[in-house]
Amino acid sequence: MTMNFAPSPQKPRAESIVPMINVVFLLLIFFLMTSTLVTPEPFEVSPPLGQAQDNAQSTPILYVSKDGVLGFEDHMDEAALAAFAAAVAGQTETTAFAPQLRADAQTSAARVAAVLKSLAAAGLSNVSLVVAAK
């Protein structure tokens, strides 16, 4: 009985997937760093048509649905109005800051006027009404 001490045949080494994983993580980090996060609208609003100026600044927006429901961030109705007024309270009119009211085109004019009156009573007299371009 003889023992075979010859080296056993080696299996070919599988290709490493580590470089591919590194590239995927680099791409993930790249897209996370270059993307912008936008707060979602509380409900869908289609503004009325009109001419407007471009405003690239991030400003607080109070939404009014076609049913007249108010929305601001996670707040609805009167809580939304109070939260919007609180968010705008620290700003001055001398800056390029202009809070916005985005009402649906089918919202009654009386409801929009009532919201603007409530905003004026809260000390917000300079509110821009958002319209879509014709």
C-alpha atoms as a PDB file:
ATOM      1  CA  MET A   1       0.000   0.000   0.000  1.00  0.00           C
ATOM      2  CA  THR A   2       1.585   3.239  -1.138  1.00  0.00           C
ATOM      3  CA  MET A   3       0.485   6.751  -0.298  1.00  0.00           C
ATOM      4  CA  ASN A   4       0.171   9.380  -2.974  1.00  0.00           C
ATOM      5  CA  PHE A   5       1.761  12.616  -1.735  1.00  0.00           C
ATOM      6  CA  ALA A   6       1.343  14.496  -5.003  1.00  0.00           C
ATOM      7  CA  PRO A   7      -0.342  17.880  -4.674  1.00  0.00           C
ATOM      8  CA  SER A   8      -4.069  17.723  -5.235  1.00  0.00           C
ATOM      9  CA  PRO A   9      -5.381  19.549  -8.297  1.00  0.00           C
ATOM     10  CA  GLN A  10      -6.398  23.114  -7.443  1.00  0.00           C
ATOM     11  CA  LYS A  11      -9.833  24.414  -8.335  1.00  0.00           C
ATOM     12  CA  PRO A  12      -9.786  27.535 -10.446  1.00  0.00           C
ATOM     13  CA  ARG A  13     -10.486  30.530  -8.261  1.00  0.00           C
ATOM     14  CA  ALA A  14     -13.848  32.244  -8.871  1.00  0.00           C
ATOM     15  CA  GLU A  15     -13.711  35.900  -9.848  1.00  0.00           C
ATOM     16  CA  SER A  16     -14.234  38.251  -6.951  1.00  0.00           C
ATOM     17  CA  ILE A  17     -17.365  40.396  -6.995  1.00  0.00           C
ATOM     18  CA  VAL A  18     -15.936  42.872  -4.478  1.00  0.00           C
ATOM     19  CA  PRO A  19     -14.964  45.449  -7.158  1.00  0.00           C
ATOM     20  CA  MET A  20     -18.497  45.348  -8.559  1.00  0.00           C
ATOM     21  CA  ILE A  21     -19.961  45.874  -5.074  1.00  0.00           C
ATOM     22  CA  ASN A  22     -17.600  48.818  -4.565  1.00  0.00           C
ATOM     23  CA  VAL A  23     -18.768  50.433  -7.804  1.00  0.00           C
ATOM     24  CA  VAL A  24     -22.435  49.938  -6.871  1.00  0.00           C
ATOM     25  CA  PHE A  25     -21.908  51.588  -3.482  1.00  0.00           C
ATOM     26  CA  LEU A  26     -20.002  54.467  -5.057  1.00  0.00           C
ATOM     27  CA  LEU A  27     -22.885  55.035  -7.482  1.00  0.00           C
ATOM     28  CA  LEU A  28     -25.390  54.844  -4.623  1.00  0.00           C
ATOM     29  CA  ILE A  29     -23.457  57.441  -2.639  1.00  0.00           C
ATOM     30  CA  PHE A  30     -23.123  59.645  -5.728  1.00  0.00           C
ATOM     31  CA  PHE A  31     -26.872  59.635  -6.422  1.00  0.00           C
ATOM     32  CA  LEU A  32     -27.738  60.214  -2.769  1.00  0.00           C
ATOM     33  CA  MET A  33     -25.393  63.195  -2.571  1.00  0.00           C
ATOM     34  CA  THR A  34     -26.554  64.810  -5.834  1.00  0.00           C
ATOM     35  CA  SER A  35     -30.302  64.309  -5.428  1.00  0.00           C
ATOM     36  CA  THR A  36     -32.660  66.853  -3.911  1.00  0.00           C
ATOM     37  CA  LEU A  37     -35.379  65.975  -1.464  1.00  0.00           C
ATOM     38  CA  VAL A  38     -38.779  67.567  -1.981  1.00  0.00           C
ATOM     39  CA  THR A  39     -41.612  67.449   0.513  1.00  0.00           C
ATOM     40  CA  PRO A  40     -44.666  65.845  -1.069  1.00  0.00           C
ATOM     41  CA  GLU A  41     -47.841  67.845  -1.527  1.00  0.00           C
ATOM     42  CA  PRO A  42     -50.591  66.861   0.953  1.00  0.00           C
ATOM     43  CA  PHE A  43     -53.066  66.469  -1.934  1.00  0.00           C
ATOM     44  CA  GLU A  44     -53.134  67.104  -5.674  1.00  0.00           C
ATOM     45  CA  VAL A  45     -53.690  70.719  -6.668  1.00  0.00           C
ATOM     46  CA  SER A  46     -53.975  72.111 -10.187  1.00  0.00           C
ATOM     47  CA  PRO A  47     -53.504  75.912  -9.953  1.00  0.00           C
ATOM     48  CA  PRO A  48     -55.430  78.317 -12.194  1.00  0.00           C
ATOM     49  CA  LEU A  49     -53.802  79.645 -15.367  1.00  0.00           C
ATOM     50  CA  GLY A  50     -52.008  82.985 -15.365  1.00  0.00           C
ATOM     51  CA  GLN A  51     -48.689  84.728 -15.768  1.00  0.00           C
ATOM     52  CA  ALA A  52     -46.240  84.442 -12.904  1.00  0.00           C
ATOM     53  CA  GLN A  53     -42.650  85.184 -12.044  1.00  0.00           C
ATOM     54  CA  ASP A  54     -40.168  82.378 -11.484  1.00  0.00           C
ATOM     55  CA  ASN A  55     -39.254  81.911  -7.834  1.00  0.00           C
ATOM     56  CA  ALA A  56     -36.392  79.477  -7.341  1.00  0.00           C
ATOM     57  CA  GLN A  57     -36.236  79.944  -3.567  1.00  0.00           C
ATOM     58  CA  SER A  58     -37.599  77.396  -1.182  1.00  0.00           C
ATOM     59  CA  THR A  59     -40.599  79.089   0.398  1.00  0.00           C
ATOM     60  CA  PRO A  60     -43.412  77.787   2.579  1.00  0.00           C
ATOM     61  CA  ILE A  61     -46.518  76.902   0.562  1.00  0.00           C
ATOM     62  CA  LEU A  62     -50.067  76.735   1.938  1.00  0.00           C
ATOM     63  CA  TYR A  63     -52.254  74.437  -0.184  1.00  0.00           C
ATOM     64  CA  VAL A  64     -56.017  74.784  -0.727  1.00  0.00           C
ATOM     65  CA  SER A  65     -57.835  71.817  -2.276  1.00  0.00           C
ATOM     66  CA  LYS A  66     -60.803  72.161  -4.622  1.00  0.00           C
ATOM     67  CA  ASP A  67     -63.001  71.299  -1.619  1.00  0.00           C
ATOM     68  CA  GLY A  68     -61.499  74.205   0.350  1.00  0.00           C
ATOM     69  CA  VAL A  69     -59.371  72.058   2.686  1.00  0.00           C
ATOM     70  CA  LEU A  70     -56.131  73.717   3.818  1.00  0.00           C
ATOM     71  CA  GLY A  71     -52.853  71.794   3.947  1.00  0.00           C
ATOM     72  CA  PHE A  72     -49.330  72.713   5.076  1.00  0.00           C
ATOM     73  CA  GLU A  73     -46.660  70.039   5.511  1.00  0.00           C
ATOM     74  CA  ASP A  74     -48.421  67.404   7.691  1.00  0.00           C
ATOM     75  CA  HIS A  75     -51.138  69.746   9.011  1.00  0.00           C
ATOM     76  CA  MET A  76     -54.705  70.129   7.743  1.00  0.00           C
ATOM     77  CA  ASP A  77     -57.349  72.892   7.998  1.00  0.00           C
ATOM     78  CA  GLU A  78     -56.931  75.333  10.922  1.00  0.00           C
ATOM     79  CA  ALA A  79     -53.795  73.549  12.175  1.00  0.00           C
ATOM     80  CA  ALA A  80     -52.300  74.070   8.713  1.00  0.00           C
ATOM     81  CA  LEU A  81     -53.125  77.781   8.843  1.00  0.00           C
ATOM     82  CA  ALA A  82     -51.525  78.128  12.291  1.00  0.00           C
ATOM     83  CA  ALA A  83     -48.427  76.132  11.275  1.00  0.00           C
ATOM     84  CA  PHE A  84     -48.047  78.181   8.084  1.00  0.00           C
ATOM     85  CA  ALA A  85     -48.323  81.458  10.016  1.00  0.00           C
ATOM     86  CA  ALA A  86     -45.747  80.199  12.532  1.00  0.00           C
ATOM     87  CA  ALA A  87     -43.349  79.158   9.748  1.00  0.00           C
ATOM     88  CA  VAL A  88     -43.577  82.574   8.107  1.00  0.00           C
ATOM     89  CA  ALA A  89     -43.601  84.640  11.328  1.00  0.00           C
ATOM     90  CA  GLY A  90     -39.816  84.998  11.590  1.00  0.00           C
ATOM     91  CA  GLN A  91     -39.352  86.356   8.071  1.00  0.00           C
ATOM     92  CA  THR A  92     -39.265  90.024   7.123  1.00  0.00           C
ATOM     93  CA  GLU A  93     -40.762  91.679   4.069  1.00  0.00           C
ATOM     94  CA  THR A  94     -37.400  93.237   3.153  1.00  0.00           C
ATOM     95  CA  THR A  95     -35.965  89.888   2.078  1.00  0.00           C
ATOM     96  CA  ALA A  96     -36.811  88.112  -1.162  1.00  0.00           C
ATOM     97  CA  PHE A  97     -38.964  85.795   0.925  1.00  0.00           C
ATOM     98  CA  ALA A  98     -42.566  85.461  -0.288  1.00  0.00           C
ATOM     99  CA  PRO A  99     -44.851  82.828   1.254  1.00  0.00           C
ATOM    100  CA  GLN A 100     -47.120  81.191  -1.299  1.00  0.00           C
ATOM    101  CA  LEU A 101     -50.770  80.158  -1.453  1.00  0.00           C
ATOM    102  CA  ARG A 102     -51.353  77.337  -3.953  1.00  0.00           C
ATOM    103  CA  ALA A 103     -55.100  76.907  -4.531  1.00  0.00           C
ATOM    104  CA  ASP A 104     -56.752  74.500  -6.933  1.00  0.00           C
ATOM    105  CA  ALA A 105     -58.287  76.113 -10.027  1.00  0.00           C
ATOM    106  CA  GLN A 106     -61.706  74.763  -8.990  1.00  0.00           C
ATOM    107  CA  THR A 107     -61.555  76.253  -5.484  1.00  0.00           C
ATOM    108  CA  SER A 108     -64.218  78.917  -5.009  1.00  0.00           C
ATOM    109  CA  ALA A 109     -62.969  82.497  -5.040  1.00  0.00           C
ATOM    110  CA  ALA A 110     -64.833  83.113  -1.784  1.00  0.00           C
ATOM    111  CA  ARG A 111     -62.817  80.369  -0.068  1.00  0.00           C
ATOM    112  CA  VAL A 112     -59.513  81.766  -1.394  1.00  0.00           C
ATOM    113  CA  ALA A 113     -60.545  85.250  -0.233  1.00  0.00           C
ATOM    114  CA  ALA A 114     -61.443  83.869   3.205  1.00  0.00           C
ATOM    115  CA  VAL A 115     -58.038  82.166   3.466  1.00  0.00           C
ATOM    116  CA  LEU A 116     -56.267  85.382   2.428  1.00  0.00           C
ATOM    117  CA  LYS A 117     -58.304  87.301   5.029  1.00  0.00           C
ATOM    118  CA  SER A 118     -57.317  84.756   7.697  1.00  0.00           C
ATOM    119  CA  LEU A 119     -53.666  85.085   6.668  1.00  0.00           C
ATOM    120  CA  ALA A 120     -53.905  88.889   6.870  1.00  0.00           C
ATOM    121  CA  ALA A 121     -55.431  88.588  10.344  1.00  0.00           C
ATOM    122  CA  ALA A 122     -52.440  86.425  11.308  1.00  0.00           C
ATOM    123  CA  GLY A 123     -50.110  89.210  10.146  1.00  0.00           C
ATOM    124  CA  LEU A 124     -49.268  87.825   6.703  1.00  0.00           C
ATOM    125  CA  SER A 125     -50.135  90.540   4.222  1.00  0.00           C
ATOM    126  CA  ASN A 126     -47.560  89.647   1.534  1.00  0.00           C
ATOM    127  CA  VAL A 127     -48.655  86.208   0.257  1.00  0.00           C
ATOM    128  CA  SER A 128     -48.194  85.206  -3.389  1.00  0.00           C
ATOM    129  CA  LEU A 129     -50.970  83.293  -5.149  1.00  0.00           C
ATOM    130  CA  VAL A 130     -49.476  80.534  -7.329  1.00  0.00           C
ATOM    131  CA  VAL A 131     -50.873  80.250 -10.860  1.00  0.00           C
ATOM    132  CA  ALA A 132     -49.932  78.057 -13.826  1.00  0.00           C
ATOM    133  CA  ALA A 133     -48.645  79.662 -17.021  1.00  0.00           C
ATOM    134  CA  LYS A 134     -51.112  79.975 -19.917  1.00  0.00           C
END
